[in-house]
PDB file of N, CA and C in Angstrom:
ATOM      1  N   MET A   1       3.119  24.212   8.121  1.00  0.00           N
ATOM      2  CA  MET A   1       3.999  23.435   8.443  1.00  0.00           C
ATOM      3  C   MET A   1       4.705  22.460   7.229  1.00  0.00           C
ATOM      4  N   LYS A   2       6.244  22.904   7.318  1.00  0.00           N
ATOM      5  CA  LYS A   2       6.770  22.181   6.306  1.00  0.00           C
ATOM      6  C   LYS A   2       6.927  20.533   6.147  1.00  0.00           C
ATOM      7  N   GLU A   3       6.753  19.966   5.446  1.00  0.00           N
ATOM      8  CA  GLU A   3       6.591  18.538   5.244  1.00  0.00           C
ATOM      9  C   GLU A   3       7.828  17.948   5.902  1.00  0.00           C
ATOM     10  N   SER A   4       8.082  16.838   6.278  1.00  0.00           N
ATOM     11  CA  SER A   4       8.923  15.779   7.323  1.00  0.00           C
ATOM     12  C   SER A   4       9.301  14.345   6.560  1.00  0.00           C
ATOM     13  N   ALA A   5      10.006  13.495   6.480  1.00  0.00           N
ATOM     14  CA  ALA A   5       9.864  12.596   6.463  1.00  0.00           C
ATOM     15  C   ALA A   5      10.459  11.206   7.541  1.00  0.00           C
ATOM     16  N   VAL A   6       9.996  10.342   7.457  1.00  0.00           N
ATOM     17  CA  VAL A   6      10.073   9.401   8.699  1.00  0.00           C
ATOM     18  C   VAL A   6      10.633   7.595   8.071  1.00  0.00           C
ATOM     19  N   ILE A   7      11.110   7.267   8.888  1.00  0.00           N
ATOM     20  CA  ILE A   7      11.188   5.448   8.527  1.00  0.00           C
ATOM     21  C   ILE A   7      10.311   4.836   9.363  1.00  0.00           C
ATOM     22  N   ILE A   8       9.693   3.989   8.978  1.00  0.00           N
ATOM     23  CA  ILE A   8       8.658   3.436   9.905  1.00  0.00           C
ATOM     24  C   ILE A   8       9.885   1.560   9.438  1.00  0.00           C
ATOM     25  N   GLN A   9       9.864   1.059  10.264  1.00  0.00           N
ATOM     26  CA  GLN A   9      10.350  -0.052  10.632  1.00  0.00           C
ATOM     27  C   GLN A   9       9.444  -1.244  10.863  1.00  0.00           C
ATOM     28  N   THR A  10       9.225  -2.544  10.289  1.00  0.00           N
ATOM     29  CA  THR A  10       8.537  -3.325  11.108  1.00  0.00           C
ATOM     30  C   THR A  10       9.348  -4.959  10.580  1.00  0.00           C
ATOM     31  N   THR A  11       9.101  -5.901  11.655  1.00  0.00           N
ATOM     32  CA  THR A  11       9.553  -7.088  11.020  1.00  0.00           C
ATOM     33  C   THR A  11       8.518  -8.047  10.872  1.00  0.00           C
ATOM     34  N   THR A  12       8.829  -9.146  10.085  1.00  0.00           N
ATOM     35  CA  THR A  12       7.874 -10.455  10.082  1.00  0.00           C
ATOM     36  C   THR A  12       8.586 -11.784   9.574  1.00  0.00           C
ATOM     37  N   ASN A  13       8.183 -12.788  10.048  1.00  0.00           N
ATOM     38  CA  ASN A  13       8.970 -13.927   9.705  1.00  0.00           C
ATOM     39  C   ASN A  13       8.562 -14.744   8.384  1.00  0.00           C
ATOM     40  N   ASP A  14       7.530 -14.166   7.741  1.00  0.00           N
ATOM     41  CA  ASP A  14       7.074 -14.672   6.774  1.00  0.00           C
ATOM     42  C   ASP A  14       7.025 -13.470   5.205  1.00  0.00           C
ATOM     43  N   GLN A  15       7.614 -14.184   4.309  1.00  0.00           N
ATOM     44  CA  GLN A  15       7.907 -13.537   3.095  1.00  0.00           C
ATOM     45  C   GLN A  15       6.580 -13.069   2.267  1.00  0.00           C
ATOM     46  N   GLN A  16       5.581 -13.680   2.265  1.00  0.00           N
ATOM     47  CA  GLN A  16       4.380 -13.065   2.040  1.00  0.00           C
ATOM     48  C   GLN A  16       3.858 -12.042   2.476  1.00  0.00           C
ATOM     49  N   THR A  17       3.550 -12.057   4.041  1.00  0.00           N
ATOM     50  CA  THR A  17       3.459 -10.903   4.548  1.00  0.00           C
ATOM     51  C   THR A  17       4.158  -9.584   4.388  1.00  0.00           C
ATOM     52  N   ALA A  18       5.276 -10.015   4.049  1.00  0.00           N
ATOM     53  CA  ALA A  18       6.416  -8.574   4.156  1.00  0.00           C
ATOM     54  C   ALA A  18       6.251  -8.047   2.413  1.00  0.00           C
ATOM     55  N   SER A  19       6.093  -8.941   1.452  1.00  0.00           N
ATOM     56  CA  SER A  19       5.546  -8.691  -0.061  1.00  0.00           C
ATOM     57  C   SER A  19       4.238  -8.014   0.010  1.00  0.00           C
ATOM     58  N   LYS A  20       2.755  -8.497   0.845  1.00  0.00           N
ATOM     59  CA  LYS A  20       1.536  -7.954   0.873  1.00  0.00           C
ATOM     60  C   LYS A  20       1.677  -6.703   1.493  1.00  0.00           C
ATOM     61  N   ILE A  21       2.230  -6.333   2.703  1.00  0.00           N
ATOM     62  CA  ILE A  21       2.773  -5.061   3.065  1.00  0.00           C
ATOM     63  C   ILE A  21       3.198  -4.120   2.615  1.00  0.00           C
ATOM     64  N   ALA A  22       4.361  -4.285   1.617  1.00  0.00           N
ATOM     65  CA  ALA A  22       4.946  -3.850   0.400  1.00  0.00           C
ATOM     66  C   ALA A  22       4.097  -3.047  -0.466  1.00  0.00           C
ATOM     67  N   SER A  23       3.321  -4.258  -1.032  1.00  0.00           N
ATOM     68  CA  SER A  23       2.713  -3.892  -2.353  1.00  0.00           C
ATOM     69  C   SER A  23       1.040  -3.055  -1.712  1.00  0.00           C
ATOM     70  N   ILE A  24       0.621  -3.278  -0.862  1.00  0.00           N
ATOM     71  CA  ILE A  24      -0.646  -1.934  -0.416  1.00  0.00           C
ATOM     72  C   ILE A  24       0.268  -1.217  -0.393  1.00  0.00           C
ATOM     73  N   LEU A  25       1.456  -0.499   0.396  1.00  0.00           N
ATOM     74  CA  LEU A  25       1.959   0.629   0.905  1.00  0.00           C
ATOM     75  C   LEU A  25       2.141   1.377  -0.619  1.00  0.00           C
ATOM     76  N   LEU A  26       2.849   0.255  -1.336  1.00  0.00           N
ATOM     77  CA  LEU A  26       2.997   1.322  -2.680  1.00  0.00           C
ATOM     78  C   LEU A  26       2.364   1.397  -3.542  1.00  0.00           C
ATOM     79  N   ASP A  27       0.926   0.613  -3.869  1.00  0.00           N
ATOM     80  CA  ASP A  27      -0.085   1.195  -4.298  1.00  0.00           C
ATOM     81  C   ASP A  27      -0.853   1.849  -4.168  1.00  0.00           C
ATOM     82  N   ALA A  28      -0.875   1.984  -2.682  1.00  0.00           N
ATOM     83  CA  ALA A  28      -1.934   3.343  -2.536  1.00  0.00           C
ATOM     84  C   ALA A  28      -0.969   4.577  -2.166  1.00  0.00           C
ATOM     85  N   LYS A  29       0.355   4.692  -2.919  1.00  0.00           N
ATOM     86  CA  LYS A  29       1.446   5.899  -2.886  1.00  0.00           C
ATOM     87  C   LYS A  29       1.395   5.999  -1.216  1.00  0.00           C
ATOM     88  N   LYS A  30       1.160   5.278  -0.249  1.00  0.00           N
ATOM     89  CA  LYS A  30       1.500   5.963   1.100  1.00  0.00           C
ATOM     90  C   LYS A  30       2.954   6.012   1.311  1.00  0.00           C
ATOM     91  N   VAL A  31       4.395   5.575   0.719  1.00  0.00           N
ATOM     92  CA  VAL A  31       4.922   5.378   0.720  1.00  0.00           C
ATOM     93  C   VAL A  31       5.968   5.790  -0.243  1.00  0.00           C
ATOM     94  N   ALA A  32       7.174   6.124  -0.291  1.00  0.00           N
ATOM     95  CA  ALA A  32       8.081   6.181  -1.527  1.00  0.00           C
ATOM     96  C   ALA A  32       9.190   5.170  -1.893  1.00  0.00           C
ATOM     97  N   CYS A  33       9.352   4.749  -0.933  1.00  0.00           N
ATOM     98  CA  CYS A  33      10.489   3.408  -0.959  1.00  0.00           C
ATOM     99  C   CYS A  33      10.127   2.169   0.228  1.00  0.00           C
ATOM    100  N   ILE A  34      10.389   0.977  -0.341  1.00  0.00           N
ATOM    101  CA  ILE A  34      10.192   0.175   1.175  1.00  0.00           C
ATOM    102  C   ILE A  34      11.716  -0.858   0.950  1.00  0.00           C
ATOM    103  N   GLN A  35      12.479  -1.035   1.928  1.00  0.00           N
ATOM    104  CA  GLN A  35      13.820  -1.636   1.946  1.00  0.00           C
ATOM    105  C   GLN A  35      13.389  -2.998   3.042  1.00  0.00           C
ATOM    106  N   LEU A  36      13.616  -3.940   2.161  1.00  0.00           N
ATOM    107  CA  LEU A  36      13.768  -5.191   2.843  1.00  0.00           C
ATOM    108  C   LEU A  36      15.172  -5.896   2.885  1.00  0.00           C
ATOM    109  N   GLU A  37      15.082  -6.682   4.051  1.00  0.00           N
ATOM    110  CA  GLU A  37      16.575  -7.096   4.548  1.00  0.00           C
ATOM    111  C   GLU A  37      16.353  -8.301   5.189  1.00  0.00           C
ATOM    112  N   ASN A  38      17.199  -9.116   5.390  1.00  0.00           N
ATOM    113  CA  ASN A  38      17.313 -10.788   6.299  1.00  0.00           C
ATOM    114  C   ASN A  38      17.978 -10.350   7.302  1.00  0.00           C
ATOM    115  N   ILE A  39      17.169 -10.497   8.556  1.00  0.00           N
ATOM    116  CA  ILE A  39      18.064 -10.288   9.648  1.00  0.00           C
ATOM    117  C   ILE A  39      17.646 -11.699  10.861  1.00  0.00           C
ATOM    118  N   GLU A  40      18.073 -11.643  11.813  1.00  0.00           N
ATOM    119  CA  GLU A  40      17.835 -12.725  12.707  1.00  0.00           C
ATOM    120  C   GLU A  40      17.788 -11.717  14.201  1.00  0.00           C
ATOM    121  N   SER A  41      16.557 -12.029  14.729  1.00  0.00           N
ATOM    122  CA  SER A  41      16.389 -11.450  15.992  1.00  0.00           C
ATOM    123  C   SER A  41      16.386 -12.536  17.347  1.00  0.00           C
ATOM    124  N   TYR A  42      16.553 -11.746  18.322  1.00  0.00           N
ATOM    125  CA  TYR A  42      16.912 -12.470  19.558  1.00  0.00           C
ATOM    126  C   TYR A  42      16.260 -11.555  20.636  1.00  0.00           C
ATOM    127  N   PHE A  43      15.003 -12.252  21.062  1.00  0.00           N
ATOM    128  CA  PHE A  43      14.194 -11.412  21.707  1.00  0.00           C
ATOM    129  C   PHE A  43      13.108 -12.462  23.353  1.00  0.00           C
ATOM    130  N   TRP A  44      12.586 -11.220  24.013  1.00  0.00           N
ATOM    131  CA  TRP A  44      12.132 -12.024  25.009  1.00  0.00           C
ATOM    132  C   TRP A  44      10.664 -12.164  24.483  1.00  0.00           C
ATOM    133  N   TRP A  45      10.191 -13.402  24.524  1.00  0.00           N
ATOM    134  CA  TRP A  45       8.667 -13.839  24.308  1.00  0.00           C
ATOM    135  C   TRP A  45       8.293 -14.993  25.477  1.00  0.00           C
ATOM    136  N   GLU A  46       6.904 -14.502  25.791  1.00  0.00           N
ATOM    137  CA  GLU A  46       6.338 -15.323  26.764  1.00  0.00           C
ATOM    138  C   GLU A  46       7.558 -16.184  27.855  1.00  0.00           C
ATOM    139  N   GLY A  47       8.443 -15.380  28.385  1.00  0.00           N
ATOM    140  CA  GLY A  47       8.881 -15.429  29.544  1.00  0.00           C
ATOM    141  C   GLY A  47      10.275 -16.149  29.093  1.00  0.00           C
ATOM    142  N   LYS A  48      10.821 -16.357  28.050  1.00  0.00           N
ATOM    143  CA  LYS A  48      11.930 -17.051  27.837  1.00  0.00           C
ATOM    144  C   LYS A  48      12.291 -16.186  26.647  1.00  0.00           C
ATOM    145  N   VAL A  49      13.827 -16.462  26.351  1.00  0.00           N
ATOM    146  CA  VAL A  49      14.560 -16.107  25.196  1.00  0.00           C
ATOM    147  C   VAL A  49      14.441 -16.824  23.792  1.00  0.00           C
ATOM    148  N   GLN A  50      13.783 -16.186  22.871  1.00  0.00           N
ATOM    149  CA  GLN A  50      13.626 -16.708  21.340  1.00  0.00           C
ATOM    150  C   GLN A  50      14.290 -16.240  20.447  1.00  0.00           C
ATOM    151  N   SER A  51      14.471 -16.849  19.307  1.00  0.00           N
ATOM    152  CA  SER A  51      14.950 -16.169  18.185  1.00  0.00           C
ATOM    153  C   SER A  51      14.397 -16.745  16.851  1.00  0.00           C
ATOM    154  N   SER A  52      14.793 -15.552  16.075  1.00  0.00           N
ATOM    155  CA  SER A  52      13.907 -16.058  14.711  1.00  0.00           C
ATOM    156  C   SER A  52      14.442 -15.363  13.789  1.00  0.00           C
ATOM    157  N   LYS A  53      14.487 -15.966  12.467  1.00  0.00           N
ATOM    158  CA  LYS A  53      14.931 -15.284  11.203  1.00  0.00           C
ATOM    159  C   LYS A  53      13.805 -14.374  10.484  1.00  0.00           C
ATOM    160  N   GLU A  54      13.854 -13.266  10.508  1.00  0.00           N
ATOM    161  CA  GLU A  54      13.149 -12.586  10.159  1.00  0.00           C
ATOM    162  C   GLU A  54      13.435 -11.158   8.874  1.00  0.00           C
ATOM    163  N   LEU A  55      12.100 -10.619   8.451  1.00  0.00           N
ATOM    164  CA  LEU A  55      12.586  -9.596   7.407  1.00  0.00           C
ATOM    165  C   LEU A  55      12.301  -8.429   8.038  1.00  0.00           C
ATOM    166  N   ARG A  56      13.028  -7.285   7.716  1.00  0.00           N
ATOM    167  CA  ARG A  56      12.863  -6.068   8.585  1.00  0.00           C
ATOM    168  C   ARG A  56      12.847  -5.167   7.138  1.00  0.00           C
ATOM    169  N   LEU A  57      11.481  -4.663   7.483  1.00  0.00           N
ATOM    170  CA  LEU A  57      10.997  -3.648   6.313  1.00  0.00           C
ATOM    171  C   LEU A  57      11.353  -2.369   6.950  1.00  0.00           C
ATOM    172  N   SER A  58      12.248  -1.580   6.217  1.00  0.00           N
ATOM    173  CA  SER A  58      12.140  -0.295   6.531  1.00  0.00           C
ATOM    174  C   SER A  58      11.238   0.902   5.467  1.00  0.00           C
ATOM    175  N   VAL A  59      10.570   1.332   5.825  1.00  0.00           N
ATOM    176  CA  VAL A  59       9.018   2.020   4.758  1.00  0.00           C
ATOM    177  C   VAL A  59       9.916   3.445   5.110  1.00  0.00           C
ATOM    178  N   LYS A  60       9.941   4.459   4.124  1.00  0.00           N
ATOM    179  CA  LYS A  60      10.135   5.759   3.431  1.00  0.00           C
ATOM    180  C   LYS A  60       8.834   6.546   3.688  1.00  0.00           C
ATOM    181  N   THR A  61       8.570   7.149   3.896  1.00  0.00           N
ATOM    182  CA  THR A  61       7.094   7.655   3.793  1.00  0.00           C
ATOM    183  C   THR A  61       7.386   9.332   4.532  1.00  0.00           C
ATOM    184  N   VAL A  62       6.409  10.357   4.153  1.00  0.00           N
ATOM    185  CA  VAL A  62       5.949  11.446   4.819  1.00  0.00           C
ATOM    186  C   VAL A  62       5.156  11.452   6.201  1.00  0.00           C
ATOM    187  N   LYS A  63       5.821  12.174   7.398  1.00  0.00           N
ATOM    188  CA  LYS A  63       5.308  12.322   8.429  1.00  0.00           C
ATOM    189  C   LYS A  63       3.684  12.061   8.759  1.00  0.00           C
ATOM    190  N   SER A  64       3.259  13.159   7.506  1.00  0.00           N
ATOM    191  CA  SER A  64       1.859  13.410   7.431  1.00  0.00           C
ATOM    192  C   SER A  64       0.656  11.845   7.295  1.00  0.00           C
ATOM    193  N   LEU A  65       1.435  11.147   6.601  1.00  0.00           N
ATOM    194  CA  LEU A  65       0.982   9.564   6.459  1.00  0.00           C
ATOM    195  C   LEU A  65       1.389   8.940   7.680  1.00  0.00           C
ATOM    196  N   SER A  66       1.922   9.190   8.310  1.00  0.00           N
ATOM    197  CA  SER A  66       2.217   7.881   9.482  1.00  0.00           C
ATOM    198  C   SER A  66       1.777   7.198   9.975  1.00  0.00           C
ATOM    199  N   HIS A  67       0.696   7.802  10.448  1.00  0.00           N
ATOM    200  CA  HIS A  67      -0.271   6.951  11.118  1.00  0.00           C
ATOM    201  C   HIS A  67      -1.014   5.894   9.702  1.00  0.00           C
ATOM    202  N   GLU A  68      -1.599   6.616   8.836  1.00  0.00           N
ATOM    203  CA  GLU A  68      -2.121   5.865   8.004  1.00  0.00           C
ATOM    204  C   GLU A  68      -1.403   4.122   7.851  1.00  0.00           C
ATOM    205  N   VAL A  69      -0.191   4.717   7.452  1.00  0.00           N
ATOM    206  CA  VAL A  69       0.999   3.665   7.166  1.00  0.00           C
ATOM    207  C   VAL A  69       0.978   2.724   8.266  1.00  0.00           C
ATOM    208  N   ILE A  70       1.370   3.276   9.610  1.00  0.00           N
ATOM    209  CA  ILE A  70       1.098   2.187  10.417  1.00  0.00           C
ATOM    210  C   ILE A  70      -0.460   1.509  10.783  1.00  0.00           C
ATOM    211  N   SER A  71      -1.352   1.618  10.519  1.00  0.00           N
ATOM    212  CA  SER A  71      -2.794   1.138  10.483  1.00  0.00           C
ATOM    213  C   SER A  71      -2.587  -0.018   9.330  1.00  0.00           C
ATOM    214  N   ILE A  72      -2.348   0.696   8.087  1.00  0.00           N
ATOM    215  CA  ILE A  72      -2.253  -0.567   7.269  1.00  0.00           C
ATOM    216  C   ILE A  72      -1.304  -1.886   7.697  1.00  0.00           C
ATOM    217  N   ILE A  73      -0.009  -1.243   8.081  1.00  0.00           N
ATOM    218  CA  ILE A  73       0.764  -2.348   8.701  1.00  0.00           C
ATOM    219  C   ILE A  73       0.020  -3.184   9.582  1.00  0.00           C
ATOM    220  N   LYS A  74      -0.443  -2.645  10.832  1.00  0.00           N
ATOM    221  CA  LYS A  74      -1.296  -3.720  11.586  1.00  0.00           C
ATOM    222  C   LYS A  74      -2.224  -4.113  11.207  1.00  0.00           C
ATOM    223  N   ALA A  75      -2.972  -3.685  10.458  1.00  0.00           N
ATOM    224  CA  ALA A  75      -4.230  -4.730   9.579  1.00  0.00           C
ATOM    225  C   ALA A  75      -3.452  -5.915   8.943  1.00  0.00           C
ATOM    226  N   ASN A  76      -2.438  -5.653   8.061  1.00  0.00           N
ATOM    227  CA  ASN A  76      -2.218  -6.795   7.371  1.00  0.00           C
ATOM    228  C   ASN A  76      -0.629  -7.752   8.048  1.00  0.00           C
ATOM    229  N   HIS A  77      -0.758  -7.813   9.368  1.00  0.00           N
ATOM    230  CA  HIS A  77       0.667  -8.278   9.752  1.00  0.00           C
ATOM    231  C   HIS A  77      -0.063  -9.342  10.477  1.00  0.00           C
ATOM    232  N   ASN A  78       1.080 -10.582  10.041  1.00  0.00           N
ATOM    233  CA  ASN A  78       0.628 -11.959  10.969  1.00  0.00           C
ATOM    234  C   ASN A  78       1.687 -11.718  12.324  1.00  0.00           C
ATOM    235  N   TYR A  79       1.956 -10.957  12.914  1.00  0.00           N
ATOM    236  CA  TYR A  79       2.169 -10.855  14.439  1.00  0.00           C
ATOM    237  C   TYR A  79       0.997 -10.403  15.003  1.00  0.00           C
ATOM    238  N   SER A  80       1.156 -10.670  16.233  1.00  0.00           N
ATOM    239  CA  SER A  80      -0.341 -10.456  16.727  1.00  0.00           C
ATOM    240  C   SER A  80       0.219  -9.026  17.937  1.00  0.00           C
ATOM    241  N   LEU A  81       1.812  -9.168  17.787  1.00  0.00           N
ATOM    242  CA  LEU A  81       2.489  -7.693  18.518  1.00  0.00           C
ATOM    243  C   LEU A  81       3.720  -7.692  17.828  1.00  0.00           C
ATOM    244  N   PRO A  82       3.547  -6.637  16.286  1.00  0.00           N
ATOM    245  CA  PRO A  82       4.226  -6.386  15.517  1.00  0.00           C
ATOM    246  C   PRO A  82       4.993  -5.084  15.791  1.00  0.00           C
ATOM    247  N   GLU A  83       6.397  -5.240  15.414  1.00  0.00           N
ATOM    248  CA  GLU A  83       7.103  -4.052  15.994  1.00  0.00           C
ATOM    249  C   GLU A  83       7.186  -2.845  14.933  1.00  0.00           C
ATOM    250  N   ILE A  84       6.704  -2.087  15.256  1.00  0.00           N
ATOM    251  CA  ILE A  84       6.568  -0.853  14.661  1.00  0.00           C
ATOM    252  C   ILE A  84       7.210   0.312  15.208  1.00  0.00           C
ATOM    253  N   ILE A  85       7.648   0.884  14.701  1.00  0.00           N
ATOM    254  CA  ILE A  85       8.838   2.008  15.218  1.00  0.00           C
ATOM    255  C   ILE A  85       9.021   2.885  14.163  1.00  0.00           C
ATOM    256  N   GLU A  86       8.650   4.370  14.199  1.00  0.00           N
ATOM    257  CA  GLU A  86       8.754   5.174  13.755  1.00  0.00           C
ATOM    258  C   GLU A  86      10.328   6.345  13.753  1.00  0.00           C
ATOM    259  N   ILE A  87      10.782   6.539  13.402  1.00  0.00           N
ATOM    260  CA  ILE A  87      12.255   7.053  12.951  1.00  0.00           C
ATOM    261  C   ILE A  87      12.008   8.321  12.386  1.00  0.00           C
ATOM    262  N   ALA A  88      12.124   9.762  12.933  1.00  0.00           N
ATOM    263  CA  ALA A  88      12.136  10.688  12.209  1.00  0.00           C
ATOM    264  C   ALA A  88      13.365  10.927  11.034  1.00  0.00           C
ATOM    265  N   ILE A  89      13.256  11.338   9.964  1.00  0.00           N
ATOM    266  CA  ILE A  89      14.726  11.337   9.567  1.00  0.00           C
ATOM    267  C   ILE A  89      14.897  13.136   9.644  1.00  0.00           C
ATOM    268  N   THR A  90      16.027  13.170  10.483  1.00  0.00           N
ATOM    269  CA  THR A  90      16.239  14.933  10.710  1.00  0.00           C
ATOM    270  C   THR A  90      17.090  15.374   9.855  1.00  0.00           C
ATOM    271  N   ASP A  91      18.362  14.578   8.957  1.00  0.00           N
ATOM    272  CA  ASP A  91      18.898  14.888   8.098  1.00  0.00           C
ATOM    273  C   ASP A  91      18.748  14.229   6.813  1.00  0.00           C
ATOM    274  N   THR A  92      18.609  15.012   5.594  1.00  0.00           N
ATOM    275  CA  THR A  92      18.749  14.074   4.363  1.00  0.00           C
ATOM    276  C   THR A  92      18.960  15.608   3.606  1.00  0.00           C
ATOM    277  N   THR A  93      19.024  15.311   2.513  1.00  0.00           N
ATOM    278  CA  THR A  93      19.104  16.551   1.354  1.00  0.00           C
ATOM    279  C   THR A  93      17.855  16.475   1.008  1.00  0.00           C
ATOM    280  N   THR A  94      17.755  18.269   0.299  1.00  0.00           N
ATOM    281  CA  THR A  94      16.488  18.311  -0.122  1.00  0.00           C
ATOM    282  C   THR A  94      15.600  17.770  -1.042  1.00  0.00           C
ATOM    283  N   GLU A  95      16.456  17.072  -1.653  1.00  0.00           N
ATOM    284  CA  GLU A  95      16.470  16.185  -3.056  1.00  0.00           C
ATOM    285  C   GLU A  95      15.819  15.154  -2.870  1.00  0.00           C
ATOM    286  N   TYR A  96      16.045  14.014  -1.921  1.00  0.00           N
ATOM    287  CA  TYR A  96      15.741  13.191  -1.125  1.00  0.00           C
ATOM    288  C   TYR A  96      14.509  13.150  -1.019  1.00  0.00           C
ATOM    289  N   LEU A  97      14.192  14.371   0.186  1.00  0.00           N
ATOM    290  CA  LEU A  97      12.878  14.753   1.213  1.00  0.00           C
ATOM    291  C   LEU A  97      12.047  15.552  -0.450  1.00  0.00           C
ATOM    292  N   ALA A  98      12.161  15.971  -1.196  1.00  0.00           N
ATOM    293  CA  ALA A  98      11.264  16.561  -2.096  1.00  0.00           C
ATOM    294  C   ALA A  98      10.737  14.957  -2.927  1.00  0.00           C
ATOM    295  N   TRP A  99      11.850  13.772  -3.093  1.00  0.00           N
ATOM    296  CA  TRP A  99      11.360  12.931  -3.819  1.00  0.00           C
ATOM    297  C   TRP A  99      10.309  12.337  -3.113  1.00  0.00           C
ATOM    298  N   ILE A 100      10.488  11.794  -1.922  1.00  0.00           N
ATOM    299  CA  ILE A 100       9.404  11.033  -0.870  1.00  0.00           C
ATOM    300  C   ILE A 100       8.323  11.864  -0.801  1.00  0.00           C
ATOM    301  N   ILE A 101       8.230  13.170  -1.221  1.00  0.00           N
ATOM    302  CA  ILE A 101       6.969  13.870  -0.978  1.00  0.00           C
ATOM    303  C   ILE A 101       6.381  13.811  -2.251  1.00  0.00           C
ATOM    304  N   LYS A 102       6.820  13.806  -3.404  1.00  0.00           N
ATOM    305  CA  LYS A 102       6.445  13.575  -4.702  1.00  0.00           C
ATOM    306  C   LYS A 102       5.591  11.913  -4.885  1.00  0.00           C
ATOM    307  N   GLU A 103       6.712  11.195  -4.077  1.00  0.00           N
ATOM    308  CA  GLU A 103       6.181   9.873  -4.792  1.00  0.00           C
ATOM    309  C   GLU A 103       4.916   9.170  -3.402  1.00  0.00           C
ATOM    310  N   THR A 104       5.099  10.249  -2.602  1.00  0.00           N
ATOM    311  CA  THR A 104       3.585  10.135  -1.800  1.00  0.00           C
ATOM    312  C   THR A 104       2.622  10.707  -2.254  1.00  0.00           C
ATOM    313  N   ASN A 105       2.571  11.668  -3.123  1.00  0.00           N
ATOM    314  CA  ASN A 105       1.395  12.555  -3.562  1.00  0.00           C
ATOM    315  C   ASN A 105       0.895  13.467  -2.591  1.00  0.00           C
ATOM    316  N   GLN A 106       2.259  14.168  -1.993  1.00  0.00           N
ATOM    317  CA  GLN A 106       1.978  15.438  -1.030  1.00  0.00           C
ATOM    318  C   GLN A 106       2.039  16.491  -1.937  1.00  0.00           C
ATOM    319  N   PRO A 107       1.558  17.549  -1.529  1.00  0.00           N
ATOM    320  CA  PRO A 107       1.787  18.873  -1.973  1.00  0.00           C
ATOM    321  C   PRO A 107       3.184  19.706  -1.665  1.00  0.00           C
ATOM    322  N   VAL A 108       4.209  19.958  -2.749  1.00  0.00           N
ATOM    323  CA  VAL A 108       5.514  20.258  -2.398  1.00  0.00           C
ATOM    324  C   VAL A 108       5.594  21.769  -1.587  1.00  0.00           C
ATOM    325  N   ALA A 109       6.159  21.863  -0.433  1.00  0.00           N
ATOM    326  CA  ALA A 109       5.733  23.464  -0.015  1.00  0.00           C
ATOM    327  C   ALA A 109       7.270  24.267  -0.744  1.00  0.00           C
ATOM    328  N   HIS A 110       6.591  25.073  -0.996  1.00  0.00           N
ATOM    329  CA  HIS A 110       7.710  26.203  -1.762  1.00  0.00           C
ATOM    330  C   HIS A 110       8.319  27.330  -0.783  1.00  0.00           C
TER     331      HIS A 110
END
């Protein structure tokens, strides 16, 4: 089966947690890239609407590593119920996909 890429998104309200997750994933070569952006979230929690300034991590990896990436995020997250959303990258350039595969130490399909 040909390898595909995914984006795994998570959010946190803590810079230290975001940095820790990013460092662990990058050092383990489980991801090719992580983008971090400041956002403001509005959501239902414990029966009422809440809001929070958060950081969104957009993690680029290969589909075959997504379960490992999600496990690492869960194990190092500061939320009891972290947002973890996996989005298939259905359209990208061959070169970008090859870069993600290379940077995650996955064998490149020929």
